[in-house]
Amino acid sequence: MKKQKLVHPHLLLFGKCNDPQRLDQLPFPFTYVGEIRQEKKIRELYQLSDAFITAALNENLSYMIMEAMACGCPVITYAAGGNPEAVLHQQNGYVAELGKPASLAEGIHWVFDNDIDQLSKAARNHMLSHFSEKEVGKAYHSLYQQVLARIMPR
């Protein structure tokens, strides 16, 4: 059981930042790599990370969360929109109470106090079993069949 204690965190930040100078106010060492558009590099960054944290308060079903989990990266997020469908609380990540930073912080500690390897495997397996092209295709096919059965009964 691999536990990754959160002793000396180093944040790896990527994506668009409207005010990069505000990052200097962070209380942790960090590396900001900016926006990444190459799929391979994005995948490498997720795979280098112990966890992915997003504090977005408004989400449908975050593509970033799905990418991170597909790369085997446990996720800490708020219970916004469809995020709890992807992140199963304390099974493949942590779902914090919406808009409560203390709950998000609790999630960060929870992930690092538990078996990162197991959480990583669970994250990837959940993406493959519920959100792969094949599984999404099956779900759409089933939905179409249900709709057709309603509008064109036999």
C-alpha atoms as a PDB file:
ATOM      1  CA  MET A   1       0.000   0.000   0.000  1.00  0.00           C
ATOM      2  CA  LYS A   2       1.691   3.191  -1.217  1.00  0.00           C
ATOM      3  CA  LYS A   3       0.811   6.229   0.845  1.00  0.00           C
ATOM      4  CA  GLN A   4       2.086   9.559  -0.387  1.00  0.00           C
ATOM      5  CA  LYS A   5       2.260  11.874   2.627  1.00  0.00           C
ATOM      6  CA  LEU A   6       1.594  15.513   1.879  1.00  0.00           C
ATOM      7  CA  VAL A   7       4.746  16.829   3.565  1.00  0.00           C
ATOM      8  CA  HIS A   8       6.333  19.149   1.018  1.00  0.00           C
ATOM      9  CA  PRO A   9       3.802  19.722  -1.749  1.00  0.00           C
ATOM     10  CA  HIS A  10       4.914  21.089  -5.080  1.00  0.00           C
ATOM     11  CA  LEU A  11       2.120  22.236  -7.337  1.00  0.00           C
ATOM     12  CA  LEU A  12       2.267  21.615 -11.056  1.00  0.00           C
ATOM     13  CA  LEU A  13      -0.054  24.157 -12.649  1.00  0.00           C
ATOM     14  CA  PHE A  14      -1.067  24.142 -16.261  1.00  0.00           C
ATOM     15  CA  GLY A  15      -3.779  25.780 -18.299  1.00  0.00           C
ATOM     16  CA  LYS A  16      -4.775  29.350 -18.910  1.00  0.00           C
ATOM     17  CA  CYS A  17      -4.091  31.840 -16.133  1.00  0.00           C
ATOM     18  CA  ASN A  18      -5.400  35.379 -16.622  1.00  0.00           C
ATOM     19  CA  ASP A  19      -3.131  36.825 -13.933  1.00  0.00           C
ATOM     20  CA  PRO A  20       0.049  34.725 -13.576  1.00  0.00           C
ATOM     21  CA  GLN A  21       1.543  37.231 -11.105  1.00  0.00           C
ATOM     22  CA  ARG A  22      -1.099  36.174  -8.549  1.00  0.00           C
ATOM     23  CA  LEU A  23       0.504  32.732  -8.534  1.00  0.00           C
ATOM     24  CA  ASP A  24       3.426  34.226  -6.576  1.00  0.00           C
ATOM     25  CA  GLN A  25       1.022  34.502  -3.616  1.00  0.00           C
ATOM     26  CA  LEU A  26       0.693  30.726  -3.362  1.00  0.00           C
ATOM     27  CA  PRO A  27       2.090  29.368  -0.092  1.00  0.00           C
ATOM     28  CA  PHE A  28       3.676  26.360  -1.843  1.00  0.00           C
ATOM     29  CA  PRO A  29       6.437  25.947  -4.373  1.00  0.00           C
ATOM     30  CA  PHE A  30       4.980  25.575  -7.841  1.00  0.00           C
ATOM     31  CA  THR A  31       5.796  25.156 -11.488  1.00  0.00           C
ATOM     32  CA  TYR A  32       3.504  26.906 -13.950  1.00  0.00           C
ATOM     33  CA  VAL A  33       3.825  25.580 -17.493  1.00  0.00           C
ATOM     34  CA  GLY A  34       0.997  27.577 -19.087  1.00  0.00           C
ATOM     35  CA  GLU A  35      -1.404  26.295 -21.688  1.00  0.00           C
ATOM     36  CA  ILE A  36      -0.597  22.930 -23.198  1.00  0.00           C
ATOM     37  CA  ARG A  37      -2.237  21.959 -26.466  1.00  0.00           C
ATOM     38  CA  GLN A  38      -0.337  18.784 -27.355  1.00  0.00           C
ATOM     39  CA  GLU A  39      -2.290  15.730 -26.217  1.00  0.00           C
ATOM     40  CA  LYS A  40       0.876  13.758 -25.475  1.00  0.00           C
ATOM     41  CA  LYS A  41       2.247  16.481 -23.182  1.00  0.00           C
ATOM     42  CA  ILE A  42      -1.072  16.814 -21.352  1.00  0.00           C
ATOM     43  CA  ARG A  43      -1.114  13.050 -20.794  1.00  0.00           C
ATOM     44  CA  GLU A  44       2.482  13.164 -19.504  1.00  0.00           C
ATOM     45  CA  LEU A  45       1.633  15.938 -17.031  1.00  0.00           C
ATOM     46  CA  TYR A  46      -1.331  14.004 -15.646  1.00  0.00           C
ATOM     47  CA  GLN A  47       0.791  10.863 -15.360  1.00  0.00           C
ATOM     48  CA  LEU A  48       3.514  12.760 -13.490  1.00  0.00           C
ATOM     49  CA  SER A  49       0.993  14.045 -10.956  1.00  0.00           C
ATOM     50  CA  ASP A  50       0.000  12.321  -7.727  1.00  0.00           C
ATOM     51  CA  ALA A  51      -3.455  13.920  -7.844  1.00  0.00           C
ATOM     52  CA  PHE A  52      -5.504  16.411  -9.847  1.00  0.00           C
ATOM     53  CA  ILE A  53      -7.292  19.182  -7.972  1.00  0.00           C
ATOM     54  CA  THR A  54      -9.959  21.416  -9.435  1.00  0.00           C
ATOM     55  CA  ALA A  55     -11.853  24.040  -7.474  1.00  0.00           C
ATOM     56  CA  ALA A  56     -14.353  24.873 -10.227  1.00  0.00           C
ATOM     57  CA  LEU A  57     -17.752  25.715  -8.774  1.00  0.00           C
ATOM     58  CA  ASN A  58     -19.672  25.358 -12.045  1.00  0.00           C
ATOM     59  CA  GLU A  59     -19.136  22.244 -14.127  1.00  0.00           C
ATOM     60  CA  ASN A  60     -21.174  20.012 -16.336  1.00  0.00           C
ATOM     61  CA  LEU A  61     -18.878  17.001 -16.468  1.00  0.00           C
ATOM     62  CA  SER A  62     -15.323  18.251 -16.556  1.00  0.00           C
ATOM     63  CA  TYR A  63     -13.263  17.045 -19.483  1.00  0.00           C
ATOM     64  CA  MET A  64     -10.109  17.748 -17.436  1.00  0.00           C
ATOM     65  CA  ILE A  65     -11.339  15.432 -14.689  1.00  0.00           C
ATOM     66  CA  MET A  66     -12.033  12.706 -17.204  1.00  0.00           C
ATOM     67  CA  GLU A  67      -8.595  13.160 -18.822  1.00  0.00           C
ATOM     68  CA  ALA A  68      -6.828  13.040 -15.463  1.00  0.00           C
ATOM     69  CA  MET A  69      -8.679   9.930 -14.357  1.00  0.00           C
ATOM     70  CA  ALA A  70      -8.102   8.202 -17.706  1.00  0.00           C
ATOM     71  CA  CYS A  71      -4.394   8.761 -17.069  1.00  0.00           C
ATOM     72  CA  GLY A  72      -4.704   7.176 -13.622  1.00  0.00           C
ATOM     73  CA  CYS A  73      -4.699  10.380 -11.623  1.00  0.00           C
ATOM     74  CA  PRO A  74      -7.056  10.531  -8.607  1.00  0.00           C
ATOM     75  CA  VAL A  75      -9.157  13.695  -8.520  1.00  0.00           C
ATOM     76  CA  ILE A  76     -10.159  16.076  -5.742  1.00  0.00           C
ATOM     77  CA  THR A  77     -13.081  18.271  -6.782  1.00  0.00           C
ATOM     78  CA  TYR A  78     -16.221  19.998  -5.624  1.00  0.00           C
ATOM     79  CA  ALA A  79     -19.622  18.320  -5.975  1.00  0.00           C
ATOM     80  CA  ALA A  80     -20.435  20.510  -8.977  1.00  0.00           C
ATOM     81  CA  GLY A  81     -22.609  19.364 -11.863  1.00  0.00           C
ATOM     82  CA  GLY A  82     -21.680  15.922 -13.138  1.00  0.00           C
ATOM     83  CA  ASN A  83     -18.352  15.657 -11.302  1.00  0.00           C
ATOM     84  CA  PRO A  84     -19.708  13.132  -8.747  1.00  0.00           C
ATOM     85  CA  GLU A  85     -20.609  10.825 -11.665  1.00  0.00           C
ATOM     86  CA  ALA A  86     -16.932  10.571 -12.556  1.00  0.00           C
ATOM     87  CA  VAL A  87     -15.314  10.972  -9.154  1.00  0.00           C
ATOM     88  CA  LEU A  88     -16.719   8.392  -6.778  1.00  0.00           C
ATOM     89  CA  HIS A  89     -16.228   9.811  -3.293  1.00  0.00           C
ATOM     90  CA  GLN A  90     -13.391   8.063  -1.466  1.00  0.00           C
ATOM     91  CA  GLN A  91     -13.211   5.318  -4.099  1.00  0.00           C
ATOM     92  CA  ASN A  92     -11.228   6.949  -6.924  1.00  0.00           C
ATOM     93  CA  GLY A  93     -10.857  10.464  -5.530  1.00  0.00           C
ATOM     94  CA  TYR A  94     -12.640  12.897  -3.255  1.00  0.00           C
ATOM     95  CA  VAL A  95     -15.790  14.963  -3.779  1.00  0.00           C
ATOM     96  CA  ALA A  96     -15.828  18.019  -1.518  1.00  0.00           C
ATOM     97  CA  GLU A  97     -18.846  20.015  -0.408  1.00  0.00           C
ATOM     98  CA  LEU A  98     -19.595  22.635  -3.046  1.00  0.00           C
ATOM     99  CA  GLY A  99     -18.027  26.006  -2.306  1.00  0.00           C
ATOM    100  CA  LYS A 100     -16.355  24.939   0.959  1.00  0.00           C
ATOM    101  CA  PRO A 101     -12.567  25.320   0.730  1.00  0.00           C
ATOM    102  CA  ALA A 102     -12.093  23.490   4.054  1.00  0.00           C
ATOM    103  CA  SER A 103     -13.833  20.466   2.554  1.00  0.00           C
ATOM    104  CA  LEU A 104     -11.566  20.640  -0.520  1.00  0.00           C
ATOM    105  CA  ALA A 105      -8.511  20.810   1.785  1.00  0.00           C
ATOM    106  CA  GLU A 106      -9.844  17.811   3.713  1.00  0.00           C
ATOM    107  CA  GLY A 107     -10.073  15.959   0.398  1.00  0.00           C
ATOM    108  CA  ILE A 108      -6.456  16.739  -0.439  1.00  0.00           C
ATOM    109  CA  HIS A 109      -5.331  15.329   2.906  1.00  0.00           C
ATOM    110  CA  TRP A 110      -7.621  12.310   2.538  1.00  0.00           C
ATOM    111  CA  VAL A 111      -6.172  11.377  -0.858  1.00  0.00           C
ATOM    112  CA  PHE A 112      -2.581  11.669   0.355  1.00  0.00           C
ATOM    113  CA  ASP A 113      -3.349   9.742   3.550  1.00  0.00           C
ATOM    114  CA  ASN A 114      -4.633   6.800   1.520  1.00  0.00           C
ATOM    115  CA  ASP A 115      -3.253   4.364  -1.037  1.00  0.00           C
ATOM    116  CA  ILE A 116      -2.440   6.508  -4.083  1.00  0.00           C
ATOM    117  CA  ASP A 117      -1.768   3.448  -6.252  1.00  0.00           C
ATOM    118  CA  GLN A 118      -5.188   1.984  -5.482  1.00  0.00           C
ATOM    119  CA  LEU A 119      -6.939   5.327  -6.069  1.00  0.00           C
ATOM    120  CA  SER A 120      -5.061   5.705  -9.366  1.00  0.00           C
ATOM    121  CA  LYS A 121      -6.106   2.255 -10.577  1.00  0.00           C
ATOM    122  CA  ALA A 122      -9.705   2.862  -9.480  1.00  0.00           C
ATOM    123  CA  ALA A 123      -9.775   6.205 -11.335  1.00  0.00           C
ATOM    124  CA  ARG A 124      -8.523   4.698 -14.583  1.00  0.00           C
ATOM    125  CA  ASN A 125     -10.764   1.640 -14.314  1.00  0.00           C
ATOM    126  CA  HIS A 126     -13.837   3.805 -13.712  1.00  0.00           C
ATOM    127  CA  MET A 127     -13.097   5.842 -16.830  1.00  0.00           C
ATOM    128  CA  LEU A 128     -12.599   2.719 -18.938  1.00  0.00           C
ATOM    129  CA  SER A 129     -15.709   0.968 -17.641  1.00  0.00           C
ATOM    130  CA  HIS A 130     -18.083   3.958 -17.774  1.00  0.00           C
ATOM    131  CA  PHE A 131     -16.727   6.630 -20.118  1.00  0.00           C
ATOM    132  CA  SER A 132     -14.781   4.875 -22.879  1.00  0.00           C
ATOM    133  CA  GLU A 133     -15.988   5.325 -26.463  1.00  0.00           C
ATOM    134  CA  LYS A 134     -17.380   1.805 -26.393  1.00  0.00           C
ATOM    135  CA  GLU A 135     -19.334   2.326 -23.146  1.00  0.00           C
ATOM    136  CA  VAL A 136     -20.662   5.742 -24.161  1.00  0.00           C
ATOM    137  CA  GLY A 137     -21.676   4.279 -27.521  1.00  0.00           C
ATOM    138  CA  LYS A 138     -23.600   1.505 -25.745  1.00  0.00           C
ATOM    139  CA  ALA A 139     -25.350   4.070 -23.544  1.00  0.00           C
ATOM    140  CA  TYR A 140     -26.384   6.167 -26.551  1.00  0.00           C
ATOM    141  CA  HIS A 141     -27.614   3.088 -28.387  1.00  0.00           C
ATOM    142  CA  SER A 142     -29.716   2.094 -25.390  1.00  0.00           C
ATOM    143  CA  LEU A 143     -31.116   5.615 -25.096  1.00  0.00           C
ATOM    144  CA  TYR A 144     -32.034   5.691 -28.794  1.00  0.00           C
ATOM    145  CA  GLN A 145     -33.753   2.331 -28.446  1.00  0.00           C
ATOM    146  CA  GLN A 146     -35.797   3.653 -25.492  1.00  0.00           C
ATOM    147  CA  VAL A 147     -36.804   6.796 -27.385  1.00  0.00           C
ATOM    148  CA  LEU A 148     -37.762   4.817 -30.476  1.00  0.00           C
ATOM    149  CA  ALA A 149     -39.838   2.414 -28.360  1.00  0.00           C
ATOM    150  CA  ARG A 150     -41.773   5.374 -26.956  1.00  0.00           C
ATOM    151  CA  ILE A 151     -42.478   7.110 -30.237  1.00  0.00           C
ATOM    152  CA  MET A 152     -42.925   3.977 -32.338  1.00  0.00           C
ATOM    153  CA  PRO A 153     -44.546   1.329 -30.130  1.00  0.00           C
ATOM    154  CA  ARG A 154     -44.833  -2.123 -31.650  1.00  0.00           C
END
